[in-house]
Amino acid sequence: MEWHRLVASFLAFVAALAALLLAAMATADEWVRRVLTALGVGYPVQTIILILVAVLVLLAALRLMGGLVRVLIVVLIVLFAIHLLLPTLRV
């Protein structure tokens, strides 16, 4: 019974950490989009720039982190890239 609570607590911690990281990435996304819009950069170009930045962060995470943290970061960045692409994929 104790292991069940320990695993549940760990999973809740991982979920909270993932939510915090996604919120930080979404905030950074909004800020960068506002700055790029102020500079006159169009929405499709902004999306390409943000995807390139996400790929660079992904490569840095793969290079610097190890094990489970690496997998978590990869999953979060892939989800963020999907989040960036969804508005442009709508017809």
C-alpha atoms as a PDB file:
ATOM      1  CA  MET A   1       0.000   0.000   0.000  1.00  0.00           C
ATOM      2  CA  GLU A   2       2.876   2.374   0.769  1.00  0.00           C
ATOM      3  CA  TRP A   3       4.386   1.884  -2.696  1.00  0.00           C
ATOM      4  CA  HIS A   4       1.100   2.877  -4.271  1.00  0.00           C
ATOM      5  CA  ARG A   5       1.185   6.223  -2.460  1.00  0.00           C
ATOM      6  CA  LEU A   6       4.835   6.742  -3.316  1.00  0.00           C
ATOM      7  CA  VAL A   7       4.257   6.086  -7.018  1.00  0.00           C
ATOM      8  CA  ALA A   8       1.137   8.269  -7.026  1.00  0.00           C
ATOM      9  CA  SER A   9       3.051  11.103  -5.353  1.00  0.00           C
ATOM     10  CA  PHE A  10       5.905  10.790  -7.825  1.00  0.00           C
ATOM     11  CA  LEU A  11       3.541  10.826 -10.805  1.00  0.00           C
ATOM     12  CA  ALA A  12       1.737  13.850  -9.387  1.00  0.00           C
ATOM     13  CA  PHE A  13       5.091  15.593  -9.018  1.00  0.00           C
ATOM     14  CA  VAL A  14       6.068  14.773 -12.613  1.00  0.00           C
ATOM     15  CA  ALA A  15       2.687  15.996 -13.870  1.00  0.00           C
ATOM     16  CA  ALA A  16       3.015  19.245 -11.905  1.00  0.00           C
ATOM     17  CA  LEU A  17       6.543  19.750 -13.201  1.00  0.00           C
ATOM     18  CA  ALA A  18       5.390  19.132 -16.784  1.00  0.00           C
ATOM     19  CA  ALA A  19       2.523  21.604 -16.343  1.00  0.00           C
ATOM     20  CA  LEU A  20       4.938  24.200 -14.982  1.00  0.00           C
ATOM     21  CA  LEU A  21       7.343  23.709 -17.891  1.00  0.00           C
ATOM     22  CA  LEU A  22       4.548  23.896 -20.464  1.00  0.00           C
ATOM     23  CA  ALA A  23       3.198  27.072 -18.850  1.00  0.00           C
ATOM     24  CA  ALA A  24       6.681  28.613 -18.993  1.00  0.00           C
ATOM     25  CA  MET A  25       7.067  27.614 -22.640  1.00  0.00           C
ATOM     26  CA  ALA A  26       3.636  29.028 -23.512  1.00  0.00           C
ATOM     27  CA  THR A  27       4.497  32.297 -21.767  1.00  0.00           C
ATOM     28  CA  ALA A  28       7.784  32.493 -23.665  1.00  0.00           C
ATOM     29  CA  ASP A  29       5.913  31.710 -26.902  1.00  0.00           C
ATOM     30  CA  GLU A  30       3.457  34.552 -26.341  1.00  0.00           C
ATOM     31  CA  TRP A  31       6.247  36.995 -25.468  1.00  0.00           C
ATOM     32  CA  VAL A  32       8.346  36.074 -28.523  1.00  0.00           C
ATOM     33  CA  ARG A  33       5.287  36.340 -30.789  1.00  0.00           C
ATOM     34  CA  ARG A  34       4.525  39.830 -29.422  1.00  0.00           C
ATOM     35  CA  VAL A  35       8.124  40.933 -30.000  1.00  0.00           C
ATOM     36  CA  LEU A  36       8.197  39.471 -33.516  1.00  0.00           C
ATOM     37  CA  THR A  37       4.823  41.044 -34.332  1.00  0.00           C
ATOM     38  CA  ALA A  38       6.149  44.428 -33.154  1.00  0.00           C
ATOM     39  CA  LEU A  39       9.115  43.920 -35.494  1.00  0.00           C
ATOM     40  CA  GLY A  40       6.728  43.272 -38.388  1.00  0.00           C
ATOM     41  CA  VAL A  41       7.352  39.533 -38.776  1.00  0.00           C
ATOM     42  CA  GLY A  42       4.354  37.608 -40.150  1.00  0.00           C
ATOM     43  CA  TYR A  43       2.639  34.741 -38.332  1.00  0.00           C
ATOM     44  CA  PRO A  44       3.931  31.898 -40.570  1.00  0.00           C
ATOM     45  CA  VAL A  45       7.521  33.146 -40.211  1.00  0.00           C
ATOM     46  CA  GLN A  46       7.031  33.423 -36.439  1.00  0.00           C
ATOM     47  CA  THR A  47       5.906  29.789 -36.350  1.00  0.00           C
ATOM     48  CA  ILE A  48       8.977  28.687 -38.301  1.00  0.00           C
ATOM     49  CA  ILE A  49      11.277  30.671 -36.004  1.00  0.00           C
ATOM     50  CA  LEU A  50       9.642  29.196 -32.896  1.00  0.00           C
ATOM     51  CA  ILE A  51       9.881  25.652 -34.263  1.00  0.00           C
ATOM     52  CA  LEU A  52      13.572  26.186 -35.023  1.00  0.00           C
ATOM     53  CA  VAL A  53      14.113  27.444 -31.473  1.00  0.00           C
ATOM     54  CA  ALA A  54      12.233  24.406 -30.111  1.00  0.00           C
ATOM     55  CA  VAL A  55      14.454  22.099 -32.180  1.00  0.00           C
ATOM     56  CA  LEU A  56      17.576  23.849 -30.881  1.00  0.00           C
ATOM     57  CA  VAL A  57      16.354  23.480 -27.292  1.00  0.00           C
ATOM     58  CA  LEU A  58      15.557  19.838 -28.009  1.00  0.00           C
ATOM     59  CA  LEU A  59      19.075  19.221 -29.335  1.00  0.00           C
ATOM     60  CA  ALA A  60      20.589  20.994 -26.326  1.00  0.00           C
ATOM     61  CA  ALA A  61      18.435  18.902 -23.968  1.00  0.00           C
ATOM     62  CA  LEU A  62      19.488  15.697 -25.697  1.00  0.00           C
ATOM     63  CA  ARG A  63      23.121  16.715 -25.433  1.00  0.00           C
ATOM     64  CA  LEU A  64      23.085  17.937 -21.827  1.00  0.00           C
ATOM     65  CA  MET A  65      20.500  15.849 -19.997  1.00  0.00           C
ATOM     66  CA  GLY A  66      20.377  12.131 -19.456  1.00  0.00           C
ATOM     67  CA  GLY A  67      17.922   9.325 -18.874  1.00  0.00           C
ATOM     68  CA  LEU A  68      14.351  10.035 -17.851  1.00  0.00           C
ATOM     69  CA  VAL A  69      14.846  13.801 -17.833  1.00  0.00           C
ATOM     70  CA  ARG A  70      15.876  13.620 -21.485  1.00  0.00           C
ATOM     71  CA  VAL A  71      12.742  11.674 -22.405  1.00  0.00           C
ATOM     72  CA  LEU A  72      10.538  14.111 -20.481  1.00  0.00           C
ATOM     73  CA  ILE A  73      12.072  17.123 -22.202  1.00  0.00           C
ATOM     74  CA  VAL A  74      11.746  15.523 -25.631  1.00  0.00           C
ATOM     75  CA  VAL A  75       8.065  14.720 -25.027  1.00  0.00           C
ATOM     76  CA  LEU A  76       7.354  18.244 -23.772  1.00  0.00           C
ATOM     77  CA  ILE A  77       9.068  19.881 -26.743  1.00  0.00           C
ATOM     78  CA  VAL A  78       7.275  17.624 -29.216  1.00  0.00           C
ATOM     79  CA  LEU A  79       3.966  18.555 -27.584  1.00  0.00           C
ATOM     80  CA  PHE A  80       4.940  22.225 -27.766  1.00  0.00           C
ATOM     81  CA  ALA A  81       5.810  21.883 -31.472  1.00  0.00           C
ATOM     82  CA  ILE A  82       2.422  20.274 -32.086  1.00  0.00           C
ATOM     83  CA  HIS A  83       0.833  23.172 -30.200  1.00  0.00           C
ATOM     84  CA  LEU A  84       2.660  25.601 -32.499  1.00  0.00           C
ATOM     85  CA  LEU A  85       1.654  23.766 -35.668  1.00  0.00           C
ATOM     86  CA  LEU A  86      -2.030  23.237 -34.941  1.00  0.00           C
ATOM     87  CA  PRO A  87      -3.170  26.778 -35.851  1.00  0.00           C
ATOM     88  CA  THR A  88      -1.351  26.617 -39.205  1.00  0.00           C
ATOM     89  CA  LEU A  89      -2.655  23.125 -40.018  1.00  0.00           C
ATOM     90  CA  ARG A  90      -6.318  24.167 -39.797  1.00  0.00           C
ATOM     91  CA  VAL A  91      -7.942  24.646 -43.176  1.00  0.00           C
END
